[in-house]
Each structure stands twice: as C-alpha cells, then as structure tokens.
Protein backbone atom coordinates (compact mmCIF):
# COMPACT_ATOMS: atom_id res chain seq x y z
CA MET A 1 -0.04 0.03 0.01
CA SER A 2 1.42 3.44 -1.01
CA ILE A 3 1.32 6.30 1.38
CA GLY A 4 1.85 9.01 -1.17
CA ASN A 5 3.70 12.15 -0.33
CA LEU A 6 2.55 12.67 3.21
CA PRO A 7 5.08 14.02 5.69
CA GLU A 8 6.84 11.33 7.77
CA ASP A 9 4.94 12.40 10.81
CA GLY A 10 1.47 12.04 9.10
CA ASN A 11 0.57 15.70 9.69
CA SER A 12 -0.82 17.93 6.94
CA PRO A 13 0.89 21.42 6.30
CA GLU A 14 -2.10 23.20 7.89
CA ASP A 15 -1.40 21.42 11.09
CA ASP A 16 1.98 23.21 11.30
CA ARG A 17 0.46 26.69 11.04
CA VAL A 18 1.07 28.82 14.09
CA SER A 19 -2.21 29.75 15.86
CA ILE A 20 -3.32 33.28 16.17
CA GLY A 21 -2.58 33.56 19.90
CA ARG A 22 0.74 31.86 19.46
CA ALA A 23 1.69 34.31 16.74
CA LEU A 24 0.76 37.35 18.84
CA GLN A 25 2.57 35.97 21.85
CA GLN A 26 5.81 35.28 19.92
CA ALA A 27 5.67 38.87 18.31
CA ARG A 28 5.17 40.34 21.84
CA ILE A 29 8.10 38.58 23.21
CA SER A 30 10.20 39.41 20.32
CA ALA A 31 9.26 43.14 20.75
CA GLY A 32 10.45 42.90 24.45
CA LEU A 33 6.92 43.65 25.83
CA THR A 34 5.05 42.24 28.74
CA VAL A 35 1.31 41.47 28.82
CA ASP A 36 0.74 44.36 31.16
CA GLU A 37 2.61 46.80 28.88
CA VAL A 38 0.56 45.60 25.84
CA SER A 39 -2.66 45.99 28.00
CA SER A 40 -1.63 49.54 28.98
CA ALA A 41 -0.93 50.56 25.23
CA THR A 42 -3.97 49.18 23.80
CA ARG A 43 -6.38 49.52 26.73
CA VAL A 44 -7.35 45.92 26.19
CA ARG A 45 -7.69 44.29 29.65
CA THR A 46 -5.05 41.95 30.86
CA PRO A 47 -7.22 38.90 31.09
CA ILE A 48 -8.46 39.40 27.52
CA VAL A 49 -4.82 39.69 26.21
CA ARG A 50 -3.86 36.43 28.09
CA GLY A 51 -6.93 34.76 26.81
CA ILE A 52 -6.25 35.72 23.22
CA GLU A 53 -2.61 34.46 23.38
CA GLN A 54 -4.02 31.07 24.58
CA ASP A 55 -6.51 31.26 21.61
CA ASP A 56 -9.47 31.64 24.03
CA PHE A 57 -11.70 34.42 22.53
CA SER A 58 -14.56 33.91 24.81
CA ARG A 59 -13.83 37.01 27.06
CA CYS A 60 -13.98 39.32 23.82
CA GLY A 61 -17.83 39.38 23.76
CA GLY A 62 -18.33 38.04 20.20
CA ASP A 63 -16.51 37.73 16.94
CA VAL A 64 -16.72 41.31 15.94
CA TYR A 65 -15.07 42.41 19.11
CA ALA A 66 -12.44 39.56 18.77
CA ARG A 67 -11.50 40.94 15.49
CA GLY A 68 -10.93 44.37 16.85
CA HIS A 69 -8.79 43.13 19.72
CA ILE A 70 -6.73 41.09 17.29
CA ARG A 71 -6.18 44.11 15.04
CA VAL A 72 -5.20 46.42 17.98
CA LEU A 73 -2.95 43.79 19.63
CA ALA A 74 -1.31 42.93 16.24
CA ARG A 75 -0.50 46.49 15.64
CA ALA A 76 0.87 47.00 19.11
CA VAL A 77 3.42 44.10 18.82
CA GLY A 78 4.30 44.62 15.08
CA CYS A 79 2.20 41.78 13.37
CA ASP A 80 0.24 41.97 10.15
CA PRO A 81 -3.36 42.27 11.49
CA GLU A 82 -4.99 41.42 8.07
CA SER A 83 -3.45 37.93 7.90
CA LEU A 84 -4.40 37.18 11.54
CA ILE A 85 -8.00 38.32 10.88
CA ALA A 86 -8.28 36.26 7.76
CA GLN A 87 -7.09 33.14 9.67
CA PHE A 88 -9.66 34.05 12.45
CA ASP A 89 -12.42 34.29 9.83
CA ALA A 90 -11.41 30.93 8.33
CA GLU A 91 -11.44 29.20 11.75
CA HIS A 92 -14.65 30.81 12.96
CA GLY A 93 -17.02 30.60 9.93
CA GLY A 94 -16.12 33.82 8.20
CA ARG A 95 -17.60 37.40 8.60
CA PRO A 96 -21.44 37.71 8.81
CA ALA A 97 -23.22 39.00 5.65
CA PRO A 98 -24.13 42.73 6.05
CA THR A 99 -27.83 43.38 6.60
CA ALA A 100 -29.49 45.50 3.99
CA PRO A 101 -31.14 48.73 5.23
CA ALA A 102 -34.92 48.62 5.60
CA PRO A 103 -36.48 50.52 2.75
CA MET A 104 -39.58 51.38 4.76
CA PHE A 105 -37.43 53.65 7.08
CA GLU A 106 -36.42 55.73 4.14
CA ALA A 107 -39.89 56.05 2.85
CA GLU A 108 -41.07 57.17 6.43
CA ARG A 109 -38.30 59.69 6.77
CA ILE A 110 -39.16 61.62 3.54
CA ARG A 111 -42.97 61.58 3.92
CA PRO A 112 -44.21 65.15 4.24
CA ASP A 113 -45.97 66.26 7.36
CA PRO A 114 -49.82 66.32 6.57
CA ARG A 115 -50.34 68.80 9.44
CA ARG A 116 -48.24 71.59 7.98
CA PRO A 117 -50.51 74.53 7.28
CA ASN A 118 -50.78 75.70 3.57
CA TRP A 119 -49.98 79.31 3.93
CA THR A 120 -50.15 80.03 0.01
CA ALA A 121 -53.82 79.02 -0.01
CA ALA A 122 -54.62 81.05 3.05
CA MET A 123 -53.03 84.16 1.57
CA VAL A 124 -55.10 83.97 -1.75
CA ALA A 125 -58.30 83.38 0.27
CA ALA A 126 -57.52 86.52 2.18
CA ILE A 127 -56.81 88.61 -0.92
CA VAL A 128 -60.10 87.39 -2.52
CA ALA A 129 -61.94 88.28 0.63
CA VAL A 130 -60.57 91.94 0.62
CA VAL A 131 -61.05 92.44 -3.06
CA GLY A 132 -64.70 91.35 -2.65
CA PHE A 133 -65.30 93.57 0.38
CA VAL A 134 -63.94 96.69 -1.31
CA GLY A 135 -66.07 96.00 -4.54
CA PHE A 136 -69.16 95.59 -2.42
CA THR A 137 -68.51 98.87 -0.65
CA LEU A 138 -67.98 100.76 -3.67
CA PHE A 139 -71.19 99.39 -5.09
CA ARG A 140 -73.11 100.42 -2.17
CA GLY A 141 -71.79 103.94 -2.53
CA GLY A 142 -73.65 104.64 -5.88
CA ASN A 143 -77.30 104.47 -7.05
CA GLY A 144 -79.02 102.26 -9.54
CA ASP A 145 -78.42 104.44 -12.69
CA GLY A 146 -74.75 104.96 -12.06
CA SER A 147 -75.12 108.59 -10.67
CA THR A 148 -73.71 109.36 -7.19
CA VAL A 149 -75.95 110.33 -4.27
CA ALA A 150 -76.35 114.05 -3.68
CA GLU A 151 -74.18 115.28 -0.77
CA ASP A 152 -75.12 117.70 1.86
CA ALA A 153 -72.71 120.59 1.70
CA GLY A 154 -72.76 120.87 5.56
CA SER A 155 -71.95 117.25 6.23
CA PRO A 156 -68.40 115.88 5.98
CA LYS A 157 -67.40 114.24 2.89
CA PRO A 158 -66.94 110.50 3.19
CA SER A 159 -63.74 108.93 2.18
CA ALA A 160 -63.73 107.07 -1.09
CA SER A 161 -61.32 104.55 0.16
CA ALA A 162 -62.20 101.39 1.95
CA PRO A 163 -62.65 101.49 5.81
CA THR A 164 -59.38 101.10 7.51
CA ASN A 165 -60.66 98.16 9.52
CA SER A 166 -61.12 96.26 6.28
CA ALA A 167 -57.52 95.49 5.67
CA ALA A 168 -56.50 92.09 4.98
CA PRO A 169 -55.83 89.97 7.94
CA SER A 170 -52.15 89.65 8.67
CA LYS A 171 -50.50 86.34 7.96
CA PRO A 172 -49.94 84.21 11.11
CA ALA A 173 -46.36 83.87 11.84
CA ALA A 174 -45.00 80.32 10.85
CA PRO A 175 -43.70 78.44 13.99
CA HIS A 176 -39.93 78.81 14.18
CA LYS A 177 -37.94 75.68 13.29
CA PRO A 178 -34.49 75.36 14.71
CA ASP A 179 -31.85 75.06 11.92
CA PRO A 180 -30.39 71.66 11.73
CA SER A 181 -26.97 71.16 13.29
CA ASP A 182 -24.13 69.24 11.89
CA SER A 183 -23.33 68.03 15.44
CA ALA A 184 -25.58 65.98 17.62
CA ILE A 185 -23.95 67.69 20.72
CA ALA A 186 -23.98 71.24 19.60
CA GLY A 187 -25.73 72.26 22.79
CA VAL A 188 -23.82 70.36 25.33
CA PRO A 189 -23.87 71.52 28.99
CA ALA A 190 -20.99 73.63 30.14
CA ASP A 191 -20.59 71.74 33.45
CA LYS A 192 -19.61 68.44 31.65
CA VAL A 193 -17.15 67.07 29.22
CA THR A 194 -19.03 65.54 26.18
CA VAL A 195 -17.33 63.55 23.45
CA LYS A 196 -18.81 62.35 20.17
CA LEU A 197 -17.08 59.82 17.93
CA THR A 198 -18.27 59.08 14.39
CA ALA A 199 -16.58 56.43 12.17
CA GLU A 200 -16.57 58.22 8.75
CA ASP A 201 -13.69 56.60 6.83
CA GLY A 202 -13.83 52.98 7.94
CA GLN A 203 -14.41 51.21 11.23
CA SER A 204 -12.15 51.67 14.36
CA TRP A 205 -11.70 49.93 17.66
CA ILE A 206 -12.50 52.47 20.44
CA SER A 207 -12.25 52.59 24.33
CA ALA A 208 -13.60 55.30 26.65
CA GLN A 209 -13.21 55.75 30.34
CA ASP A 210 -14.44 58.25 32.90
CA HIS A 211 -12.26 60.25 35.33
CA ASN A 212 -12.44 57.39 37.86
CA GLY A 213 -10.91 55.00 35.28
CA ARG A 214 -14.21 53.10 34.88
CA LEU A 215 -14.73 51.64 31.52
CA ILE A 216 -17.77 53.43 29.60
CA GLU A 217 -17.42 51.69 26.16
CA GLU A 218 -15.13 49.29 24.44
CA GLY A 219 -15.41 47.69 21.00
CA VAL A 220 -15.51 48.32 17.40
CA LEU A 221 -17.34 51.35 15.94
CA ARG A 222 -18.60 50.45 12.54
CA GLU A 223 -18.33 52.83 9.56
CA GLY A 224 -21.29 55.27 9.77
CA ASP A 225 -22.00 54.79 13.44
CA SER A 226 -21.68 57.25 16.28
CA LYS A 227 -21.09 57.10 20.07
CA THR A 228 -21.47 60.04 22.60
CA PHE A 229 -19.94 59.86 26.07
CA SER A 230 -20.28 62.43 28.90
CA ASP A 231 -18.66 62.82 32.31
CA SER A 232 -18.44 65.52 34.93
CA ARG A 233 -14.70 65.85 34.87
CA ARG A 234 -12.68 63.91 32.23
CA ILE A 235 -12.92 61.28 29.47
CA ASP A 236 -9.95 59.22 28.38
CA LEU A 237 -10.07 57.75 24.85
CA VAL A 238 -8.24 55.17 22.84
CA LEU A 239 -8.70 55.06 19.09
CA GLY A 240 -7.36 51.94 17.20
CA ASN A 241 -7.74 53.53 13.82
CA ALA A 242 -7.62 57.33 14.51
CA GLY A 243 -7.73 58.38 10.88
CA ALA A 244 -11.29 57.02 10.42
CA ILE A 245 -12.65 58.90 13.41
CA LYS A 246 -14.39 62.34 13.24
CA LEU A 247 -14.23 63.81 16.80
CA PHE A 248 -16.29 66.41 18.56
CA VAL A 249 -15.38 67.60 22.04
CA ASN A 250 -17.69 69.94 24.00
CA GLY A 251 -19.47 70.81 20.83
CA LYS A 252 -16.33 71.68 18.80
CA GLU A 253 -14.71 69.47 16.20
CA VAL A 254 -11.19 68.36 16.73
CA LYS A 255 -9.10 68.42 13.62
CA ASN A 256 -6.28 65.97 12.69
CA VAL A 257 -7.17 63.33 15.26
CA GLY A 258 -4.64 60.98 13.72
CA THR A 259 -3.63 58.91 10.50
CA SER A 260 -5.28 55.75 9.14
CA GLY A 261 -4.26 52.76 11.27
CA ALA A 262 -2.74 54.81 14.05
CA VAL A 263 -3.53 54.16 17.69
CA GLN A 264 -4.25 57.37 19.55
CA ARG A 265 -4.59 57.93 23.33
CA LEU A 266 -6.52 61.16 24.16
CA SER A 267 -7.96 62.85 27.31
CA TYR A 268 -10.43 65.66 27.41
CA THR A 269 -11.98 67.87 30.15
CA LYS A 270 -14.49 70.66 30.30
CA GLY A 271 -13.87 73.63 28.09
CA ASP A 272 -12.00 74.15 24.75
CA PRO A 273 -11.03 70.77 23.43
CA GLU A 274 -7.73 72.25 22.02
CA ALA A 275 -6.39 72.05 25.71
CA GLY A 276 -7.17 68.35 25.92
C-alpha cells in the first residue's frame, strides 16, 4: 500500500500553522513587551490579552469584538493584522453578511408632514376676501343708474377709500423651526465634558473611560456609526484607527485626530478641546 507524499509524521501542512494566539505571543516576546505593557498601550484588559494569546476568545464578547482586539494587539506588537483576521475568519466561519437597510425607514423619513399649514392657499383666500369687500363697498356707494348720491354741503365728505378696519388679515407667523445642526452635541452642557465619535472613513476599535478609570465603552465602531460619552470631569479615549474617526469635544470639532491605522490615546476635560 502506497502512502503517497505525506510527511513522515503524518501531519498536513495546515497542522503546522502557528495559531493566532501563539503568533501574537511570539511577536510580543520578540518586541520585548510584557502582557501588562501591551494592555496599557492598547487599553485591552489583561485577562483578555492572556486569553487571546491562549486562543481563548470567549472573553472578547463576540467575533466582532475579537477581530477588533486582534487588530489592535497585532499593531501593538508589530504583526500583520489582516493575515491574523483572515485566519480568524477561516477558523470561525467567516464574517457575517451585512444586513440590508430597511426601505420602509427611508420612505417614512421623507414623507411630508400632513399637518403643515398651507400658507399660500390662506393668503389667496384673504386677498379674494379683501377685493370682494372693497367691490361691495364701492357698489353700495352709488345709485342704480350710475349717478352718485347728492351730498349735503354741511356734512363731512365721506372717504372714497375702503374702511381702515377692512384691511387684509395679517398672515400668522409660521412656527420657528431650529436650523439643523451638523453636530448632535452642539448644545452640550458647560458643566460636563462631552465627546462624540463618528466612524466616517472605515471602522475603528475604540475605548472610553471616565475620570475614575471606569470603562464606559469598548469595542468596534462600525463605519457610519456614532457614540457619545459624557462625564463631569474627564474622558480618556483610545482610538485603534484614529484616521477613520471624526471627533467632537464639548460641541467643537477636533481636527487632525490621527492617521489611518494609528493608535491614539487622548484625554479631554470641560472647556475648549484644544487644551485636551
């Protein structure tokens, strides 16, 4: 019986491929970093880092968060994140298909408001009423054969114009509508620090903590999604792909947050975000 070209130990080439956790661990050791140092640089908690290096992704909270953790950790230790994520997808059933947006939502959003008053029709009706009233008044001022009624020299001459109280009713003032704002936090309170993150040019892994170090949010912010955080003193941020993020702090846009693929650690307090 022929055994073909199998390796002497009977294992296939795929069996010799280094696992994701092992690859990250070897890269970390080669970079001279400890688990705690990687955790501090990426804001990924130490138990999660240790679990991923042991190929245990149960602490990540799902495949989407696991991909984000792998990407951030790979960049921190100098690995290629895309090859590791491709390996993760191959081992865990691939990425889920995107959900198509519901068309009914768009139709409802552009539907006109039936309760809005028709001011044009109201104005035309008012003008017609005034013209009719003036014509009726002038007709009452003459007799049947077209001659005017004789006037008493001693009585005051009536005015030929329409009575002053017959003026067209004034158009009611339309209710004031506030102008739309480009920022959902334009009116933030002055006694708090408020941060808004929007993923505009791709998705990004994000982390936000309050001034006591408590974790407010951690995970992947998908492209097109936004998150808003508020605290009485300070908010600390970590952005895994800073170039994809549009950042507003205390109602003011922060320019040049970072480049694509760069990891940024930022802190902001109340007042002008330029001081953050």
